[in-house]
Amino acid sequence: MPGKGKRGKSRPKPRGKKQKKPEVDIFSPAAMLNLYYIAHNVADCLHLRGFRWPGASKGKKGKTKM
């Protein structure tokens, strides 16, 4: 097909054990500084860290253009 170009050879992914993601300390100084700039209140802080309550909204969907 014109305009597609040739694809290079990719290396096969090793099939072994999946690496565990390291646990992240959400109370580390760097995480707290980040939270200070992105959260507006305690409820927002907990929501961003994954502690959601049953009635919480899922988030905003994309805006529809009219």
N, C-alpha and C. Protein backbone atom coordinates (compact mmCIF):
# COMPACT_ATOMS: atom_id res chain seq x y z
N MET A 1 0.84 -1.17 0.00
CA MET A 1 0.00 0.00 0.00
C MET A 1 0.89 1.25 0.00
N PRO A 2 0.58 2.23 -0.78
CA PRO A 2 1.41 3.42 -0.83
C PRO A 2 1.29 4.24 0.46
N GLY A 3 2.43 4.79 0.87
CA GLY A 3 2.43 5.66 2.03
C GLY A 3 2.60 4.94 3.36
N LYS A 4 2.61 3.63 3.37
CA LYS A 4 2.71 2.90 4.63
C LYS A 4 4.16 2.76 5.09
N GLY A 5 5.09 2.56 4.18
CA GLY A 5 6.48 2.37 4.56
C GLY A 5 6.72 0.95 5.04
N LYS A 6 7.99 0.60 5.15
CA LYS A 6 8.32 -0.74 5.59
C LYS A 6 8.44 -0.78 7.10
N ARG A 7 8.00 -1.86 7.66
CA ARG A 7 8.13 -2.03 9.10
C ARG A 7 9.43 -2.77 9.38
N GLY A 8 10.12 -2.31 10.40
CA GLY A 8 11.36 -2.96 10.78
C GLY A 8 11.08 -4.22 11.58
N LYS A 9 12.11 -5.03 11.72
CA LYS A 9 11.95 -6.24 12.51
C LYS A 9 11.93 -5.86 13.98
N SER A 10 10.96 -6.37 14.68
CA SER A 10 10.89 -6.10 16.11
C SER A 10 11.42 -7.30 16.88
N ARG A 11 11.95 -7.02 18.02
CA ARG A 11 12.48 -8.09 18.86
C ARG A 11 11.31 -8.82 19.53
N PRO A 12 11.38 -10.13 19.59
CA PRO A 12 10.31 -10.84 20.29
C PRO A 12 10.38 -10.58 21.79
N LYS A 13 9.23 -10.48 22.42
CA LYS A 13 9.19 -10.25 23.86
C LYS A 13 9.53 -11.54 24.59
N PRO A 14 10.34 -11.45 25.62
CA PRO A 14 10.68 -12.66 26.36
C PRO A 14 9.45 -13.20 27.08
N ARG A 15 9.26 -14.49 27.01
CA ARG A 15 8.12 -15.12 27.67
C ARG A 15 8.60 -15.73 28.98
N GLY A 16 8.49 -14.98 30.00
CA GLY A 16 8.92 -15.44 31.30
C GLY A 16 7.95 -14.93 32.35
N LYS A 17 8.43 -14.87 33.56
CA LYS A 17 7.60 -14.35 34.64
C LYS A 17 7.40 -12.86 34.45
N LYS A 18 6.20 -12.40 34.77
CA LYS A 18 5.95 -10.96 34.72
C LYS A 18 6.64 -10.31 35.91
N GLN A 19 7.25 -9.17 35.66
CA GLN A 19 7.91 -8.46 36.74
C GLN A 19 6.86 -7.76 37.59
N LYS A 20 7.04 -7.85 38.89
CA LYS A 20 6.12 -7.17 39.80
C LYS A 20 6.43 -5.69 39.80
N LYS A 21 5.37 -4.89 39.83
CA LYS A 21 5.58 -3.45 39.96
C LYS A 21 5.96 -3.17 41.40
N PRO A 22 6.94 -2.32 41.61
CA PRO A 22 7.32 -2.02 42.99
C PRO A 22 6.20 -1.25 43.69
N GLU A 23 6.02 -1.51 44.97
CA GLU A 23 5.00 -0.78 45.72
C GLU A 23 5.44 0.66 45.88
N VAL A 24 4.49 1.55 45.71
CA VAL A 24 4.78 2.97 45.80
C VAL A 24 4.25 3.50 47.12
N ASP A 25 5.07 4.26 47.80
CA ASP A 25 4.66 4.87 49.06
C ASP A 25 3.91 6.15 48.74
N ILE A 26 2.58 6.15 48.98
CA ILE A 26 1.79 7.33 48.65
C ILE A 26 1.98 8.45 49.66
N PHE A 27 2.70 8.17 50.74
CA PHE A 27 2.96 9.21 51.74
C PHE A 27 4.40 9.71 51.69
N SER A 28 5.11 9.38 50.64
CA SER A 28 6.48 9.86 50.50
C SER A 28 6.45 11.37 50.26
N PRO A 29 7.54 12.07 50.58
CA PRO A 29 7.56 13.53 50.37
C PRO A 29 7.27 13.94 48.93
N ALA A 30 7.77 13.20 47.96
CA ALA A 30 7.52 13.55 46.56
C ALA A 30 6.03 13.38 46.22
N ALA A 31 5.43 12.31 46.71
CA ALA A 31 4.01 12.06 46.44
C ALA A 31 3.15 13.11 47.13
N MET A 32 3.53 13.51 48.33
CA MET A 32 2.76 14.53 49.05
C MET A 32 2.87 15.89 48.36
N LEU A 33 4.04 16.22 47.85
CA LEU A 33 4.19 17.47 47.13
C LEU A 33 3.33 17.48 45.87
N ASN A 34 3.31 16.37 45.16
CA ASN A 34 2.47 16.25 43.97
C ASN A 34 1.00 16.39 44.34
N LEU A 35 0.60 15.74 45.41
CA LEU A 35 -0.79 15.79 45.85
C LEU A 35 -1.19 17.21 46.27
N TYR A 36 -0.26 17.93 46.86
CA TYR A 36 -0.51 19.30 47.28
C TYR A 36 -0.94 20.16 46.09
N TYR A 37 -0.33 19.91 44.93
CA TYR A 37 -0.62 20.73 43.75
C TYR A 37 -1.82 20.24 42.95
N ILE A 38 -2.23 18.96 43.09
CA ILE A 38 -3.35 18.48 42.27
C ILE A 38 -4.66 18.33 43.01
N ALA A 39 -4.63 18.19 44.34
CA ALA A 39 -5.86 17.99 45.10
C ALA A 39 -6.34 19.31 45.69
N HIS A 40 -7.67 19.46 45.78
CA HIS A 40 -8.24 20.69 46.29
C HIS A 40 -8.74 20.55 47.72
N ASN A 41 -9.05 19.33 48.13
CA ASN A 41 -9.52 19.11 49.50
C ASN A 41 -9.27 17.64 49.87
N VAL A 42 -9.65 17.26 51.06
CA VAL A 42 -9.38 15.90 51.54
C VAL A 42 -10.12 14.86 50.70
N ALA A 43 -11.38 15.12 50.37
CA ALA A 43 -12.15 14.16 49.57
C ALA A 43 -11.51 13.97 48.20
N ASP A 44 -11.04 15.05 47.62
CA ASP A 44 -10.37 14.99 46.32
C ASP A 44 -9.07 14.20 46.44
N CYS A 45 -8.36 14.42 47.53
CA CYS A 45 -7.11 13.70 47.78
C CYS A 45 -7.37 12.19 47.83
N LEU A 46 -8.35 11.78 48.61
CA LEU A 46 -8.66 10.35 48.74
C LEU A 46 -9.12 9.77 47.41
N HIS A 47 -9.92 10.53 46.67
CA HIS A 47 -10.42 10.08 45.37
C HIS A 47 -9.26 9.85 44.40
N LEU A 48 -8.29 10.77 44.38
CA LEU A 48 -7.15 10.64 43.47
C LEU A 48 -6.24 9.48 43.86
N ARG A 49 -6.21 9.14 45.14
CA ARG A 49 -5.36 8.04 45.61
C ARG A 49 -6.04 6.68 45.52
N GLY A 50 -7.29 6.64 45.04
CA GLY A 50 -7.95 5.36 44.82
C GLY A 50 -8.91 4.95 45.91
N PHE A 51 -9.13 5.78 46.92
CA PHE A 51 -10.08 5.47 47.98
C PHE A 51 -11.40 6.16 47.65
N ARG A 52 -12.17 5.53 46.77
CA ARG A 52 -13.42 6.14 46.33
C ARG A 52 -14.58 5.64 47.19
N TRP A 53 -15.60 6.45 47.33
CA TRP A 53 -16.77 6.07 48.08
C TRP A 53 -17.86 5.63 47.12
N PRO A 54 -18.88 4.89 47.59
CA PRO A 54 -19.88 4.30 46.69
C PRO A 54 -20.61 5.30 45.79
N GLY A 55 -20.90 6.50 46.24
CA GLY A 55 -21.66 7.45 45.43
C GLY A 55 -20.80 8.35 44.56
N ALA A 56 -19.50 8.11 44.51
CA ALA A 56 -18.60 9.01 43.78
C ALA A 56 -18.82 8.90 42.27
N SER A 57 -18.63 10.02 41.60
CA SER A 57 -18.76 10.00 40.14
C SER A 57 -17.52 9.36 39.53
N LYS A 58 -17.69 8.78 38.36
CA LYS A 58 -16.58 8.10 37.69
C LYS A 58 -15.60 9.06 37.03
N GLY A 59 -16.00 10.30 36.84
CA GLY A 59 -15.14 11.27 36.17
C GLY A 59 -15.86 11.86 34.99
N LYS A 60 -15.26 12.88 34.42
CA LYS A 60 -15.90 13.55 33.30
C LYS A 60 -15.66 12.79 32.01
N LYS A 61 -16.66 12.73 31.21
CA LYS A 61 -16.54 12.18 29.85
C LYS A 61 -16.13 13.32 28.94
N GLY A 62 -15.73 13.00 27.74
CA GLY A 62 -15.33 14.03 26.79
C GLY A 62 -16.48 14.96 26.45
N LYS A 63 -16.16 16.22 26.22
CA LYS A 63 -17.19 17.18 25.86
C LYS A 63 -17.68 16.91 24.46
N THR A 64 -18.95 17.09 24.25
CA THR A 64 -19.50 16.92 22.91
C THR A 64 -19.52 18.27 22.21
N LYS A 65 -19.12 18.30 20.99
CA LYS A 65 -19.12 19.54 20.22
C LYS A 65 -20.46 19.68 19.52
N MET A 66 -20.99 20.88 19.55
CA MET A 66 -22.27 21.12 18.88
C MET A 66 -22.08 21.98 17.69
